Amino acid sequence: MTGQETEERAHGYYNEGYFDGGQTVSNYFHYGHSLTSDLRYGLSALHLIVETRGFRALLERDRLEISIVDLGGAKGLLASAFQKVLPGARVLNTDLSLYATQNTVPEARTFRSDIRNLPLPDESFHIVTCVDVLEHLRGDTVPKALLEIRRILKQGGFGILVPNIGEDEAWSKDKSHVTIKGREWWKERIIESGLEIAEETRLGRALMGLSNTYLFKRISFPSISPGLFIVRKS
């Protein structure tokens, strides 16, 4: 599939119906600010900062110039949460969807791009987040996205990657989930890209056993997903 075909497909699929269509073709009822979404993303941002040792070390070293980009961040809810938690940071949001990038929350600085070909300089971010995105790519293009993540990370920077590692009835309605693999498959692809598996947060490990419960699926915090990988560019 060519780049133009990919963009046209994304424009047609990741539209208003996908993000705000009442869960008819995706898991989103209304993708925007709400008490539930603000709690979900705000606590996830806080958890990643508090529980991730590497993140804390970066903050202590480069507090005045910390830079974060959320890849495939749709309307910018996670980027917005990071900006609120770290008001002095440079936080960007990017997504392939024209609809999402035209309807971002006001707090998120957003641009449109494909994570397999990012218009960003080498080694330009301390933190790269990519939550519930990689499973939307064909398996043979996942390595290209991971190489891009490695390229834009600063030396010693961290990536927070959360691919979907399992399907249930709710998730399977989203036909754009084309690469559903187990944790080991994703781990192998990450290592092959040259990224290092750095750590798993304590809270993340503690909650792995809850991943199949009804409550966990309803809340679905990105930072405690069983698919969470903390990676490092060493």
Protein backbone atom coordinates (compact mmCIF):
# COMPACT_ATOMS: atom_id res chain seq x y z
CA MET A 1 0.00 0.00 0.00
CA THR A 2 1.42 3.37 -0.99
CA GLY A 3 1.67 6.37 1.33
CA GLN A 4 -1.19 8.07 -0.53
CA GLU A 5 -3.39 4.98 -0.25
CA THR A 6 -2.60 4.73 3.48
CA GLU A 7 -3.56 8.38 4.01
CA GLU A 8 -6.80 8.05 2.03
CA ARG A 9 -7.76 4.91 3.96
CA ALA A 10 -7.04 6.63 7.27
CA HIS A 11 -9.05 9.69 6.24
CA GLY A 12 -11.99 7.47 5.38
CA TYR A 13 -11.87 5.18 8.42
CA TYR A 14 -10.59 7.32 11.31
CA ASN A 15 -13.35 9.87 10.92
CA GLU A 16 -16.11 11.31 13.10
CA GLY A 17 -17.87 7.95 13.23
CA TYR A 18 -14.72 6.28 14.55
CA PHE A 19 -14.04 8.73 17.38
CA ASP A 20 -17.52 10.04 18.20
CA GLY A 21 -19.90 7.47 16.76
CA GLY A 22 -21.15 5.88 19.96
CA GLN A 23 -18.94 2.76 19.69
CA THR A 24 -20.44 1.63 16.40
CA VAL A 25 -17.10 0.88 14.66
CA SER A 26 -14.59 1.39 17.49
CA ASN A 27 -14.37 1.35 21.28
CA TYR A 28 -14.89 5.10 21.53
CA PHE A 29 -18.28 6.50 22.50
CA HIS A 30 -17.24 10.14 22.53
CA TYR A 31 -13.50 10.84 22.38
CA GLY A 32 -13.03 14.10 24.25
CA HIS A 33 -12.88 15.77 27.64
CA SER A 34 -15.10 14.12 30.25
CA LEU A 35 -14.74 13.23 33.91
CA THR A 36 -13.88 9.63 32.98
CA SER A 37 -11.37 10.44 30.24
CA ASP A 38 -9.68 13.21 32.22
CA LEU A 39 -9.34 10.86 35.20
CA ARG A 40 -8.04 8.05 32.99
CA TYR A 41 -5.39 10.07 31.19
CA GLY A 42 -4.48 12.31 34.10
CA LEU A 43 -3.83 9.39 36.43
CA SER A 44 -1.94 7.57 33.70
CA ALA A 45 0.38 10.56 33.20
CA LEU A 46 0.94 10.83 36.95
CA HIS A 47 1.51 7.11 37.30
CA LEU A 48 4.09 7.02 34.53
CA ILE A 49 5.98 9.87 36.17
CA VAL A 50 5.82 8.54 39.72
CA GLU A 51 6.37 4.83 39.04
CA THR A 52 8.87 4.92 36.18
CA ARG A 53 12.38 5.33 37.57
CA GLY A 54 13.83 6.38 34.22
CA PHE A 55 11.19 9.06 33.77
CA ARG A 56 11.94 10.49 37.21
CA ALA A 57 15.66 10.56 36.47
CA LEU A 58 15.06 12.49 33.26
CA LEU A 59 12.88 15.00 35.08
CA GLU A 60 15.53 15.54 37.71
CA ARG A 61 18.23 16.03 35.07
CA ASP A 62 16.38 18.05 32.43
CA ARG A 63 13.37 19.49 34.27
CA LEU A 64 13.53 22.85 32.47
CA GLU A 65 13.64 21.43 28.97
CA ILE A 66 11.83 18.08 29.08
CA SER A 67 10.21 17.19 25.73
CA ILE A 68 7.42 14.67 25.12
CA VAL A 69 5.57 13.56 21.99
CA ASP A 70 2.50 11.31 21.95
CA LEU A 71 2.31 9.34 18.70
CA GLY A 72 -1.14 8.40 17.45
CA GLY A 73 -2.63 10.50 20.23
CA ALA A 74 -5.90 11.27 18.40
CA LYS A 75 -7.42 14.39 19.94
CA GLY A 76 -4.54 14.92 22.34
CA LEU A 77 -5.97 13.80 25.69
CA LEU A 78 -2.76 12.15 26.93
CA ALA A 79 -0.61 15.04 25.66
CA SER A 80 -2.96 17.45 27.42
CA ALA A 81 -2.61 15.48 30.66
CA PHE A 82 1.20 15.55 30.44
CA GLN A 83 1.12 19.30 29.80
CA LYS A 84 -0.99 19.85 32.91
CA VAL A 85 1.22 17.65 35.08
CA LEU A 86 4.42 19.16 33.63
CA PRO A 87 3.49 22.74 32.69
CA GLY A 88 7.07 23.65 31.75
CA ALA A 89 7.54 20.75 29.34
CA ARG A 90 7.36 20.88 25.53
CA VAL A 91 4.57 18.42 24.72
CA LEU A 92 3.37 17.57 21.21
CA ASN A 93 0.61 15.33 19.91
CA THR A 94 0.42 13.73 16.46
CA ASP A 95 -2.06 11.51 14.66
CA LEU A 96 -2.74 10.32 11.11
CA SER A 97 -6.46 11.08 11.33
CA LEU A 98 -7.53 14.35 9.72
CA TYR A 99 -10.69 14.41 11.84
CA ALA A 100 -8.80 13.88 15.11
CA THR A 101 -6.14 16.49 14.39
CA GLN A 102 -8.79 19.04 13.41
CA ASN A 103 -10.71 18.40 16.64
CA THR A 104 -8.00 18.24 19.27
CA VAL A 105 -8.51 19.54 22.78
CA PRO A 106 -7.34 23.16 23.11
CA GLU A 107 -4.43 22.31 25.42
CA ALA A 108 -2.73 19.92 22.97
CA ARG A 109 -0.28 21.18 20.36
CA THR A 110 -1.05 18.82 17.48
CA PHE A 111 0.18 18.07 13.98
CA ARG A 112 -0.79 15.39 11.49
CA SER A 113 1.67 12.67 10.51
CA ASP A 114 2.25 8.95 9.97
CA ILE A 115 4.31 7.39 12.77
CA ARG A 116 6.22 5.40 10.15
CA ASN A 117 7.51 8.61 8.59
CA LEU A 118 7.67 11.36 11.20
CA PRO A 119 8.61 14.92 10.18
CA LEU A 120 10.70 15.30 13.34
CA PRO A 121 14.46 15.74 13.83
CA ASP A 122 16.69 12.96 15.10
CA GLU A 123 17.05 12.74 18.88
CA SER A 124 14.52 15.48 19.58
CA PHE A 125 12.44 14.05 22.48
CA HIS A 126 13.16 12.80 25.98
CA ILE A 127 9.91 10.80 26.08
CA VAL A 128 7.90 9.20 23.26
CA THR A 129 4.52 7.68 24.10
CA CYS A 130 2.56 5.41 21.77
CA VAL A 131 -0.62 4.02 23.35
CA ASP A 132 -3.05 1.66 21.57
CA VAL A 133 -1.57 2.57 18.18
CA LEU A 134 0.89 -0.07 16.95
CA GLU A 135 -1.81 -2.73 16.56
CA HIS A 136 -3.36 -0.51 13.85
CA LEU A 137 -0.29 -1.11 11.64
CA ARG A 138 0.31 -4.14 9.44
CA GLY A 139 2.83 -6.45 11.08
CA ASP A 140 5.42 -5.89 8.37
CA THR A 141 5.34 -2.12 8.94
CA VAL A 142 5.59 -2.25 12.75
CA PRO A 143 9.44 -2.34 12.60
CA LYS A 144 9.47 0.91 10.60
CA ALA A 145 7.41 2.64 13.29
CA LEU A 146 9.69 1.34 16.03
CA LEU A 147 12.76 2.55 14.13
CA GLU A 148 11.17 6.00 13.88
CA ILE A 149 10.53 6.00 17.62
CA ARG A 150 14.18 5.12 18.22
CA ARG A 151 15.33 7.80 15.77
CA ILE A 152 13.48 10.69 17.41
CA LEU A 153 14.36 9.66 20.98
CA LYS A 154 17.26 11.46 22.59
CA GLN A 155 20.16 9.32 23.77
CA GLY A 156 19.07 7.97 27.14
CA GLY A 157 15.43 8.83 26.39
CA PHE A 158 12.47 6.59 27.12
CA GLY A 159 9.58 5.25 25.09
CA ILE A 160 6.27 4.23 26.64
CA LEU A 161 4.69 1.74 24.26
CA VAL A 162 1.30 0.11 24.82
CA PRO A 163 0.23 -2.16 21.96
CA ASN A 164 -2.97 -4.17 22.32
CA ILE A 165 -1.85 -7.72 23.05
CA GLY A 166 -5.23 -9.47 23.07
CA GLU A 167 -8.72 -9.18 21.64
CA ASP A 168 -12.10 -9.62 23.26
CA GLU A 169 -15.58 -8.97 21.87
CA ALA A 170 -15.42 -5.23 22.64
CA TRP A 171 -12.00 -4.69 21.07
CA SER A 172 -12.64 -6.89 18.03
CA LYS A 173 -15.34 -4.57 16.63
CA ASP A 174 -12.49 -2.25 15.56
CA LYS A 175 -11.49 -3.68 12.19
CA SER A 176 -8.40 -1.45 12.08
CA HIS A 177 -6.79 -3.67 14.73
CA VAL A 178 -4.83 -5.67 12.19
CA THR A 179 -1.83 -6.85 14.24
CA ILE A 180 -2.90 -8.63 17.42
CA LYS A 181 0.06 -10.50 18.82
CA GLY A 182 1.23 -11.76 22.19
CA ARG A 183 3.60 -9.92 24.48
CA GLU A 184 6.65 -11.91 23.34
CA TRP A 185 6.10 -10.98 19.67
CA TRP A 186 6.04 -7.29 20.54
CA LYS A 187 9.07 -7.68 22.78
CA GLU A 188 11.01 -9.28 19.92
CA ARG A 189 10.09 -6.49 17.50
CA ILE A 190 11.14 -3.85 20.05
CA ILE A 191 14.52 -5.47 20.66
CA GLU A 192 15.10 -5.90 16.91
CA SER A 193 14.61 -2.14 16.47
CA GLY A 194 17.57 -1.43 18.73
CA LEU A 195 15.49 -0.26 21.67
CA GLU A 196 16.18 -1.70 25.10
CA ILE A 197 13.42 -3.04 27.36
CA ALA A 198 14.07 -0.84 30.37
CA GLU A 199 11.56 -1.70 33.07
CA GLU A 200 7.99 -2.47 33.98
CA THR A 201 6.36 -0.29 36.58
CA ARG A 202 5.54 -1.88 39.94
CA LEU A 203 1.87 -0.96 39.70
CA GLY A 204 1.73 -2.32 36.17
CA ARG A 205 3.09 -5.68 37.30
CA ALA A 206 0.73 -5.80 40.27
CA LEU A 207 -2.31 -5.24 38.06
CA MET A 208 -1.44 -7.70 35.29
CA GLY A 209 -3.62 -10.31 36.97
CA LEU A 210 -6.63 -7.99 36.78
CA SER A 211 -6.36 -7.49 33.03
CA ASN A 212 -9.25 -9.82 32.20
CA THR A 213 -11.68 -8.48 34.79
CA TYR A 214 -14.75 -6.47 33.80
CA LEU A 215 -13.72 -3.45 35.88
CA PHE A 216 -10.22 -3.33 34.42
CA LYS A 217 -11.56 -3.44 30.87
CA ARG A 218 -14.07 -0.68 31.60
CA ILE A 219 -11.44 1.65 33.10
CA SER A 220 -8.56 0.65 30.82
CA PHE A 221 -5.80 2.95 32.07
CA PRO A 222 -3.03 3.09 29.44
CA SER A 223 -0.29 3.08 32.07
CA ILE A 224 -1.38 -0.22 33.67
CA SER A 225 -2.08 -2.19 30.51
CA PRO A 226 -0.64 -5.73 30.28
CA GLY A 227 0.84 -4.56 26.98
CA LEU A 228 2.91 -1.81 28.63
CA PHE A 229 6.58 -1.62 27.60
CA ILE A 230 9.01 0.94 28.98
CA VAL A 231 11.86 1.12 26.47
CA ARG A 232 15.09 3.08 26.40
CA LYS A 233 17.48 4.36 23.76
CA SER A 234 20.90 3.61 25.17
